Amino acid sequence: MTHPESATRRMAPPTLGVACALALGAAVSLGLARFSYALLLPPMRADLGWSYLTAGTMNTVNAAGYLIGAVLAPKWMRRFGARTVLLAGGAAAALLLAGHGLVTTDAPLYALRLLTGVASAATFVAGGLLAARLVGPHAPVAGRPAPAAGLVLGIYYGGVGAGIVASALLVPPLSALAQAHAWQWAWVALGVCAAAATAVTAGGTRHLADAHGSAPARAAAPHRWQQFGFALASYFLFGLGYIGYMTFVVTLLREQRLASGTITVFYALLGVAVMASSWLWAGLLQRHRGGGAMGRLDVLLAVATLLPVLSSHPVAVFASGLLFGGVFLSVVASTTALVRHNLPPAAWPGGISAFTTVFAAGQIVGPSLVGWVADGTGGLRTGLAVSALVLGVGALLAWGQKPLAPSA
């Protein structure tokens, strides 16, 4: 007689298919809810009369909400289950994105950016945990060769690229409509897209509820997070440095008078490179138990950030977008890989949340810092140069992170 649990596992979809469904959660939480803002910033800034500091503060507030969500996500996952948190966060993000299209004053926009950050963090942390579990010792799909953990995590985080591509296709034509506050229609379209993606995630992950349930997770033994001190410090600087590029690079290209179509292609290619990154760096994430992967990737990001500062030639611009897109979400994936390599499964939620928290803290500082620098005499070029410097320092710190002893 076939055991019911064995039958359930045989009927479960392939691991890579589930990873792709989870990846749409990442597309919503970062691709649509955060990185679409780079495309919306120029028309909103022109329409609403923002300074660079105000424009950066909008993303700072979003990052503050992300920090709140990252801190609360482990509690929510213990109470409701990771899949429920993933889907609830996606649904909330969809409603909040559409809500951006209903207002034109700063105060409600700040509130919406804050709440969107909370929702997107809950989705991103829960999705990352579920992706880690797909290739963990209690993976829900049995009877099939398990894909490499680096590939599964890369697919999940690479899903952000799908959201970036969708943003590149939706935002420019809608925000260019010949009517007042045309950018509002772009926000509404992003909300609809997020709702559709969340619905697909719900269908593609329905077996995960059977495999993991929604019961509270077993409490993990406390860990001394200072053992990850170098990696956490590096990840804080990554959050601070990369978000300056993702907030202001489109605005810089507009100031350099690149054609709108060129900028749209640039951002779409950046998103495609994010999706390709899961295959580019899977082996690197699988091999390194310490901070070597993060250090290498941070160096490449610093180079990508400097390219549009040094030259506005289309070759340099496209090289920057392809390199940046092909690397930056793999830095995020490297932290989940670091947690998986060095901690027992019961400690994964706390580990992922710890890295997400310092990531969010860096993102709080980054947009306002770059905006403040850009409002000075140096402009956006100087602001992005500062971001590149921060990423370089983060790379040096990452190299100092060694693997934890097996007893950890």
Protein backbone atom coordinates (compact mmCIF):
# COMPACT_ATOMS: atom_id res chain seq x y z
CA MET A 1 0.00 0.00 0.00
CA THR A 2 1.36 3.41 -0.97
CA HIS A 3 1.97 5.78 1.90
CA PRO A 4 -0.13 8.98 1.49
CA GLU A 5 2.89 11.20 2.00
CA SER A 6 4.82 9.35 -0.74
CA ALA A 7 1.90 9.77 -3.13
CA THR A 8 1.75 13.49 -2.38
CA ARG A 9 5.43 13.87 -3.09
CA ARG A 10 5.23 12.03 -6.40
CA MET A 11 2.43 14.35 -7.51
CA ALA A 12 4.38 17.45 -6.51
CA PRO A 13 5.66 19.57 -9.41
CA PRO A 14 9.38 19.57 -10.32
CA THR A 15 11.60 21.58 -8.03
CA LEU A 16 12.64 24.03 -10.73
CA GLY A 17 8.99 24.68 -11.59
CA VAL A 18 8.23 25.54 -7.98
CA ALA A 19 11.33 27.74 -7.88
CA CYS A 20 10.05 29.63 -10.93
CA ALA A 21 6.67 30.13 -9.22
CA LEU A 22 8.45 31.46 -6.14
CA ALA A 23 10.54 33.69 -8.40
CA LEU A 24 7.39 35.63 -9.33
CA GLY A 25 7.13 36.55 -5.65
CA ALA A 26 10.60 38.08 -5.93
CA ALA A 27 9.46 39.82 -9.11
CA VAL A 28 6.66 41.49 -7.15
CA SER A 29 8.60 42.31 -3.99
CA LEU A 30 11.58 44.00 -5.65
CA GLY A 31 11.13 44.14 -9.42
CA LEU A 32 7.71 45.81 -9.34
CA ALA A 33 7.45 47.24 -5.83
CA ARG A 34 10.91 48.82 -5.68
CA PHE A 35 12.92 48.96 -8.88
CA SER A 36 10.08 50.29 -11.02
CA TYR A 37 10.58 53.53 -9.09
CA ALA A 38 13.74 54.33 -11.07
CA LEU A 39 11.61 54.60 -14.21
CA LEU A 40 8.86 56.55 -12.47
CA LEU A 41 11.18 58.99 -10.74
CA PRO A 42 11.94 61.28 -13.75
CA PRO A 43 8.27 61.97 -14.69
CA MET A 44 7.21 62.25 -11.05
CA ARG A 45 10.10 64.56 -10.23
CA ALA A 46 9.30 66.79 -13.19
CA ASP A 47 5.57 66.82 -12.41
CA LEU A 48 5.80 67.26 -8.63
CA GLY A 49 8.88 69.51 -8.48
CA TRP A 50 11.02 67.25 -6.31
CA SER A 51 14.66 67.83 -5.41
CA TYR A 52 17.05 64.89 -5.61
CA LEU A 53 16.89 64.63 -1.82
CA THR A 54 13.09 64.31 -1.86
CA ALA A 55 13.30 61.76 -4.68
CA GLY A 56 15.87 59.74 -2.73
CA THR A 57 13.90 60.01 0.50
CA MET A 58 10.94 58.31 -1.17
CA ASN A 59 13.11 55.23 -1.57
CA THR A 60 14.59 55.72 1.90
CA VAL A 61 11.08 55.53 3.36
CA ASN A 62 10.42 52.43 1.27
CA ALA A 63 13.60 50.87 2.67
CA ALA A 64 12.51 51.76 6.21
CA GLY A 65 9.30 49.84 5.60
CA TYR A 66 11.39 46.99 4.21
CA LEU A 67 13.38 46.95 7.45
CA ILE A 68 10.18 46.77 9.51
CA GLY A 69 8.92 43.91 7.36
CA ALA A 70 12.22 42.04 7.61
CA VAL A 71 12.16 42.26 11.41
CA LEU A 72 8.53 41.11 11.64
CA ALA A 73 8.67 38.42 8.94
CA PRO A 74 10.09 35.61 11.13
CA LYS A 75 7.31 36.14 13.68
CA TRP A 76 4.67 36.12 10.95
CA MET A 77 6.15 32.97 9.41
CA ARG A 78 6.14 31.15 12.75
CA ARG A 79 2.50 32.05 13.26
CA PHE A 80 1.04 31.71 9.77
CA GLY A 81 3.57 29.74 7.73
CA ALA A 82 6.00 30.98 5.09
CA ARG A 83 3.71 30.41 2.10
CA THR A 84 0.86 32.38 3.65
CA VAL A 85 3.19 35.28 4.40
CA LEU A 86 4.55 35.13 0.84
CA LEU A 87 1.09 35.38 -0.73
CA ALA A 88 -0.32 37.91 1.73
CA GLY A 89 2.67 40.19 1.15
CA GLY A 90 2.26 39.89 -2.62
CA ALA A 91 -1.44 40.71 -2.48
CA ALA A 92 -0.83 43.69 -0.19
CA ALA A 93 1.96 44.97 -2.46
CA ALA A 94 -0.39 44.79 -5.46
CA LEU A 95 -3.03 46.91 -3.71
CA LEU A 96 -0.48 49.42 -2.46
CA LEU A 97 1.15 49.82 -5.87
CA ALA A 98 -2.22 50.59 -7.41
CA GLY A 99 -2.83 53.04 -4.56
CA HIS A 100 0.17 55.12 -5.71
CA GLY A 101 -1.91 55.97 -8.76
CA LEU A 102 -4.60 57.64 -6.69
CA VAL A 103 -2.56 60.40 -5.02
CA THR A 104 -0.33 63.31 -6.06
CA THR A 105 0.95 64.78 -2.78
CA ASP A 106 4.06 63.83 -0.86
CA ALA A 107 2.57 62.70 2.47
CA PRO A 108 0.37 59.89 1.13
CA LEU A 109 3.14 58.84 -1.27
CA TYR A 110 5.53 58.53 1.66
CA ALA A 111 2.96 56.40 3.50
CA LEU A 112 2.41 54.16 0.48
CA ARG A 113 6.14 53.71 -0.07
CA LEU A 114 6.56 52.76 3.60
CA LEU A 115 3.75 50.18 3.58
CA THR A 116 4.89 48.77 0.25
CA GLY A 117 8.30 48.20 1.80
CA VAL A 118 6.75 46.23 4.68
CA ALA A 119 4.76 44.05 2.30
CA SER A 120 7.64 43.45 -0.10
CA ALA A 121 10.02 42.43 2.70
CA ALA A 122 7.54 39.89 4.02
CA THR A 123 7.20 38.41 0.52
CA PHE A 124 10.93 38.40 -0.16
CA VAL A 125 12.00 36.82 3.14
CA ALA A 126 9.27 34.16 3.00
CA GLY A 127 10.04 33.34 -0.62
CA GLY A 128 13.75 33.07 0.12
CA LEU A 129 13.09 30.65 2.96
CA LEU A 130 10.83 28.50 0.79
CA ALA A 131 13.45 28.47 -1.97
CA ALA A 132 16.12 27.38 0.53
CA ARG A 133 13.84 24.59 1.75
CA LEU A 134 13.36 23.30 -1.80
CA VAL A 135 16.89 21.94 -1.73
CA GLY A 136 17.18 21.41 2.02
CA PRO A 137 17.04 18.10 3.92
CA HIS A 138 13.23 18.31 4.08
CA ALA A 139 12.66 19.28 0.45
CA PRO A 140 9.07 18.53 -0.59
CA VAL A 141 9.91 16.89 -3.93
CA ALA A 142 11.16 13.34 -3.61
CA GLY A 143 12.08 10.68 -6.11
CA ARG A 144 13.90 13.10 -8.43
CA PRO A 145 17.52 14.25 -8.57
CA ALA A 146 17.76 17.47 -6.59
CA PRO A 147 18.95 20.51 -8.56
CA ALA A 148 21.99 22.34 -7.26
CA ALA A 149 21.10 24.67 -4.41
CA GLY A 150 22.89 27.56 -6.11
CA LEU A 151 20.71 27.17 -9.21
CA VAL A 152 17.44 27.08 -7.25
CA LEU A 153 18.38 30.13 -5.20
CA GLY A 154 19.59 31.89 -8.34
CA ILE A 155 16.26 31.23 -10.07
CA TYR A 156 14.36 32.64 -7.09
CA TYR A 157 16.39 35.83 -6.81
CA GLY A 158 16.67 36.10 -10.58
CA GLY A 159 12.88 36.43 -10.64
CA VAL A 160 13.40 40.07 -9.72
CA GLY A 161 14.54 40.51 -13.31
CA ALA A 162 11.11 39.53 -14.61
CA GLY A 163 9.64 42.39 -12.56
CA ILE A 164 12.25 44.79 -13.91
CA VAL A 165 11.48 43.80 -17.51
CA ALA A 166 7.75 44.17 -16.88
CA SER A 167 8.39 47.63 -15.41
CA ALA A 168 10.46 48.63 -18.43
CA LEU A 169 7.63 47.60 -20.75
CA LEU A 170 4.80 49.17 -18.74
CA VAL A 171 6.09 52.38 -17.19
CA PRO A 172 7.58 54.46 -20.07
CA PRO A 173 4.58 54.30 -22.46
CA LEU A 174 2.00 54.88 -19.71
CA SER A 175 3.89 57.72 -18.02
CA ALA A 176 4.26 59.41 -21.44
CA LEU A 177 0.49 59.64 -22.05
CA ALA A 178 -0.68 63.12 -23.02
CA GLN A 179 -2.58 63.90 -19.81
CA ALA A 180 -1.95 65.33 -16.37
CA HIS A 181 -0.17 63.02 -13.90
CA ALA A 182 0.14 60.30 -16.54
CA TRP A 183 2.60 58.44 -14.29
CA GLN A 184 -0.37 57.44 -12.09
CA TRP A 185 -1.53 54.99 -14.77
CA ALA A 186 1.86 53.29 -14.61
CA TRP A 187 1.42 52.65 -10.86
CA VAL A 188 -2.03 51.17 -11.45
CA ALA A 189 -0.65 48.89 -14.17
CA LEU A 190 2.14 47.74 -11.84
CA GLY A 191 -0.48 46.85 -9.21
CA VAL A 192 -2.45 44.77 -11.71
CA CYS A 193 0.73 43.02 -12.83
CA ALA A 194 1.68 42.26 -9.20
CA ALA A 195 -1.76 40.79 -8.53
CA ALA A 196 -1.48 38.51 -11.57
CA ALA A 197 2.02 37.35 -10.58
CA THR A 198 0.87 36.60 -7.02
CA ALA A 199 -1.99 34.49 -8.37
CA VAL A 200 0.46 32.42 -10.43
CA THR A 201 2.72 32.02 -7.38
CA ALA A 202 -0.25 30.77 -5.36
CA GLY A 203 -1.04 28.12 -7.94
CA GLY A 204 2.55 27.01 -8.47
CA THR A 205 3.31 26.64 -4.75
CA ARG A 206 0.12 24.96 -3.53
CA HIS A 207 2.00 21.71 -2.79
CA LEU A 208 4.33 23.55 -0.42
CA ALA A 209 1.47 24.06 2.01
CA ASP A 210 1.06 20.25 2.21
CA ALA A 211 4.77 19.70 2.60
CA HIS A 212 5.49 22.30 5.25
CA GLY A 213 2.09 23.18 6.64
CA SER A 214 1.42 26.37 8.51
CA ALA A 215 2.33 25.16 11.96
CA PRO A 216 4.90 27.19 13.85
CA ALA A 217 8.44 26.22 12.97
CA ARG A 218 10.62 24.50 15.56
CA ALA A 219 12.57 27.08 17.49
CA ALA A 220 16.18 27.32 16.46
CA ALA A 221 19.07 27.38 18.89
CA PRO A 222 20.46 30.87 19.41
CA HIS A 223 23.43 31.76 17.23
CA ARG A 224 26.18 34.30 17.71
CA TRP A 225 25.64 36.51 14.68
CA GLN A 226 29.01 38.16 15.19
CA GLN A 227 30.41 35.02 13.54
CA PHE A 228 28.94 36.49 10.37
CA GLY A 229 30.27 39.95 11.24
CA PHE A 230 32.27 40.55 8.06
CA ALA A 231 29.48 39.28 5.80
CA LEU A 232 26.83 41.32 7.62
CA ALA A 233 28.94 44.49 7.43
CA SER A 234 29.63 43.87 3.75
CA TYR A 235 25.95 43.29 3.08
CA PHE A 236 25.04 46.55 4.82
CA LEU A 237 27.41 48.40 2.47
CA PHE A 238 25.99 46.50 -0.50
CA GLY A 239 22.50 47.70 0.43
CA LEU A 240 23.80 51.24 0.79
CA GLY A 241 25.73 51.20 -2.48
CA TYR A 242 23.58 49.32 -4.96
CA ILE A 243 20.34 51.20 -4.19
CA GLY A 244 21.89 54.50 -5.29
CA TYR A 245 22.40 53.05 -8.76
CA MET A 246 18.96 51.47 -8.94
CA THR A 247 17.30 54.69 -7.76
CA PHE A 248 19.07 57.26 -9.93
CA VAL A 249 20.68 55.61 -12.95
CA VAL A 250 17.68 56.26 -15.23
CA THR A 251 17.59 59.89 -14.11
CA LEU A 252 21.32 60.20 -14.86
CA LEU A 253 20.84 58.76 -18.35
CA ARG A 254 18.02 61.23 -19.01
CA GLU A 255 20.29 64.07 -17.90
CA GLN A 256 22.90 62.76 -20.34
CA ARG A 257 20.20 63.13 -23.02
CA LEU A 258 19.94 59.51 -24.03
CA ALA A 259 16.81 58.79 -26.05
CA SER A 260 13.79 57.40 -24.20
CA GLY A 261 13.83 54.25 -26.30
CA THR A 262 17.49 53.67 -25.48
CA ILE A 263 16.80 54.01 -21.77
CA THR A 264 13.89 51.57 -22.00
CA VAL A 265 16.09 49.01 -23.75
CA PHE A 266 18.82 49.61 -21.15
CA TYR A 267 16.47 48.87 -18.24
CA ALA A 268 14.91 45.86 -19.96
CA LEU A 269 18.36 44.41 -20.65
CA LEU A 270 19.25 44.95 -17.01
CA GLY A 271 16.22 42.87 -16.07
CA VAL A 272 17.08 40.13 -18.56
CA ALA A 273 20.60 40.00 -17.10
CA VAL A 274 19.09 39.54 -13.62
CA MET A 275 17.17 36.50 -14.88
CA ALA A 276 20.29 35.08 -16.53
CA SER A 277 22.32 35.52 -13.34
CA SER A 278 20.86 32.32 -11.84
CA TRP A 279 22.81 30.30 -14.39
CA LEU A 280 25.88 32.53 -14.43
CA TRP A 281 26.70 32.32 -10.74
CA ALA A 282 25.07 29.08 -9.51
CA GLY A 283 28.40 27.26 -9.35
CA LEU A 284 30.09 30.14 -7.53
CA LEU A 285 27.37 30.17 -4.86
CA GLN A 286 27.59 26.40 -4.50
CA ARG A 287 31.37 26.34 -4.04
CA HIS A 288 32.00 29.12 -1.52
CA ARG A 289 31.10 28.57 2.13
CA GLY A 290 32.65 31.89 3.15
CA GLY A 291 32.46 35.42 1.78
CA GLY A 292 34.45 34.85 -1.39
CA ALA A 293 31.41 34.84 -3.68
CA MET A 294 30.07 38.07 -2.17
CA GLY A 295 33.45 39.77 -2.50
CA ARG A 296 33.87 38.89 -6.17
CA LEU A 297 30.35 40.05 -7.00
CA ASP A 298 30.74 43.35 -5.13
CA VAL A 299 33.86 44.18 -7.17
CA LEU A 300 31.93 43.66 -10.41
CA LEU A 301 29.09 45.84 -9.11
CA ALA A 302 31.49 48.67 -8.30
CA VAL A 303 32.80 48.54 -11.88
CA ALA A 304 29.25 48.50 -13.29
CA THR A 305 28.30 51.54 -11.18
CA LEU A 306 31.30 53.53 -12.37
CA LEU A 307 30.78 52.94 -16.11
CA PRO A 308 27.94 55.49 -16.65
CA VAL A 309 29.81 57.94 -14.42
CA LEU A 310 32.88 57.76 -16.69
CA SER A 311 31.08 57.72 -20.04
CA SER A 312 27.64 58.34 -21.52
CA HIS A 313 28.45 56.38 -24.67
CA PRO A 314 25.72 53.78 -25.34
CA VAL A 315 28.29 50.96 -25.27
CA ALA A 316 29.35 51.94 -21.75
CA VAL A 317 25.74 52.39 -20.66
CA PHE A 318 24.59 49.00 -21.94
CA ALA A 319 27.68 47.30 -20.54
CA SER A 320 26.88 48.86 -17.17
CA GLY A 321 23.27 47.64 -17.22
CA LEU A 322 24.15 44.12 -18.33
CA LEU A 323 26.94 43.78 -15.76
CA PHE A 324 24.94 45.31 -12.92
CA GLY A 325 21.85 43.24 -13.70
CA GLY A 326 23.88 40.08 -14.05
CA VAL A 327 25.42 40.50 -10.62
CA PHE A 328 23.45 42.44 -8.02
CA LEU A 329 20.72 39.91 -7.13
CA SER A 330 23.36 37.19 -6.97
CA VAL A 331 24.87 39.11 -4.03
CA VAL A 332 21.51 38.67 -2.31
CA ALA A 333 21.47 34.98 -3.24
CA SER A 334 25.00 34.61 -1.85
CA THR A 335 23.77 35.49 1.64
CA THR A 336 21.10 32.78 1.56
CA ALA A 337 23.73 30.34 0.28
CA LEU A 338 26.02 31.43 3.14
CA VAL A 339 23.26 30.69 5.65
CA ARG A 340 22.50 27.29 4.07
CA HIS A 341 26.18 26.32 4.01
CA ASN A 342 26.90 27.23 7.62
CA LEU A 343 23.70 26.85 9.71
CA PRO A 344 21.26 24.01 10.42
CA PRO A 345 17.82 24.27 8.75
CA ALA A 346 16.12 25.35 11.98
CA ALA A 347 18.30 28.46 12.00
CA TRP A 348 17.68 29.43 8.38
CA PRO A 349 14.72 31.79 9.06
CA GLY A 350 16.74 33.74 11.62
CA GLY A 351 19.80 33.82 9.39
CA ILE A 352 17.95 35.02 6.31
CA SER A 353 16.14 37.63 8.39
CA ALA A 354 19.41 38.89 9.91
CA PHE A 355 20.92 39.50 6.49
CA THR A 356 17.70 41.02 5.19
CA THR A 357 17.66 43.41 8.15
CA VAL A 358 21.15 44.81 7.56
CA PHE A 359 20.39 44.95 3.82
CA ALA A 360 17.32 47.06 4.57
CA ALA A 361 19.31 49.30 6.92
CA GLY A 362 21.82 50.03 4.16
CA GLN A 363 19.02 50.82 1.74
CA ILE A 364 17.59 53.35 4.20
CA VAL A 365 20.80 55.37 4.07
CA GLY A 366 21.71 54.93 0.40
CA PRO A 367 19.05 56.87 -1.57
CA SER A 368 19.10 59.93 0.67
CA LEU A 369 22.91 59.94 0.75
CA VAL A 370 23.18 59.85 -3.04
CA GLY A 371 20.39 62.42 -3.38
CA TRP A 372 22.10 64.75 -0.89
CA VAL A 373 25.42 64.44 -2.74
CA ALA A 374 23.68 64.94 -6.11
CA ASP A 375 21.99 68.14 -4.92
CA GLY A 376 25.47 69.59 -4.41
CA THR A 377 27.83 70.76 -7.12
CA GLY A 378 28.89 67.25 -8.15
CA GLY A 379 25.49 66.11 -9.41
CA LEU A 380 24.45 62.52 -9.94
CA ARG A 381 27.84 61.49 -11.31
CA THR A 382 29.45 62.19 -7.95
CA GLY A 383 26.60 60.49 -6.12
CA LEU A 384 27.03 57.28 -8.11
CA ALA A 385 30.81 57.47 -7.70
CA VAL A 386 30.23 57.42 -3.94
CA SER A 387 28.04 54.34 -4.40
CA ALA A 388 30.83 52.60 -6.30
CA LEU A 389 33.31 53.40 -3.53
CA VAL A 390 30.96 51.98 -0.91
CA LEU A 391 30.59 48.76 -2.93
CA GLY A 392 34.36 48.46 -3.17
CA VAL A 393 34.75 48.71 0.60
CA GLY A 394 32.01 46.11 0.97
CA ALA A 395 33.99 43.75 -1.28
CA LEU A 396 37.02 44.05 0.99
CA LEU A 397 34.93 43.23 4.06
CA ALA A 398 33.34 40.22 2.35
CA TRP A 399 36.75 38.64 1.76
CA GLY A 400 37.23 38.62 5.54
CA GLN A 401 34.25 36.28 6.12
CA LYS A 402 35.43 32.73 6.75
CA PRO A 403 33.24 29.59 6.86
CA LEU A 404 31.87 28.77 10.29
CA ALA A 405 33.12 25.72 12.14
CA PRO A 406 30.91 22.66 11.53
CA SER A 407 29.73 22.76 15.16
CA ALA A 408 28.10 26.14 14.47
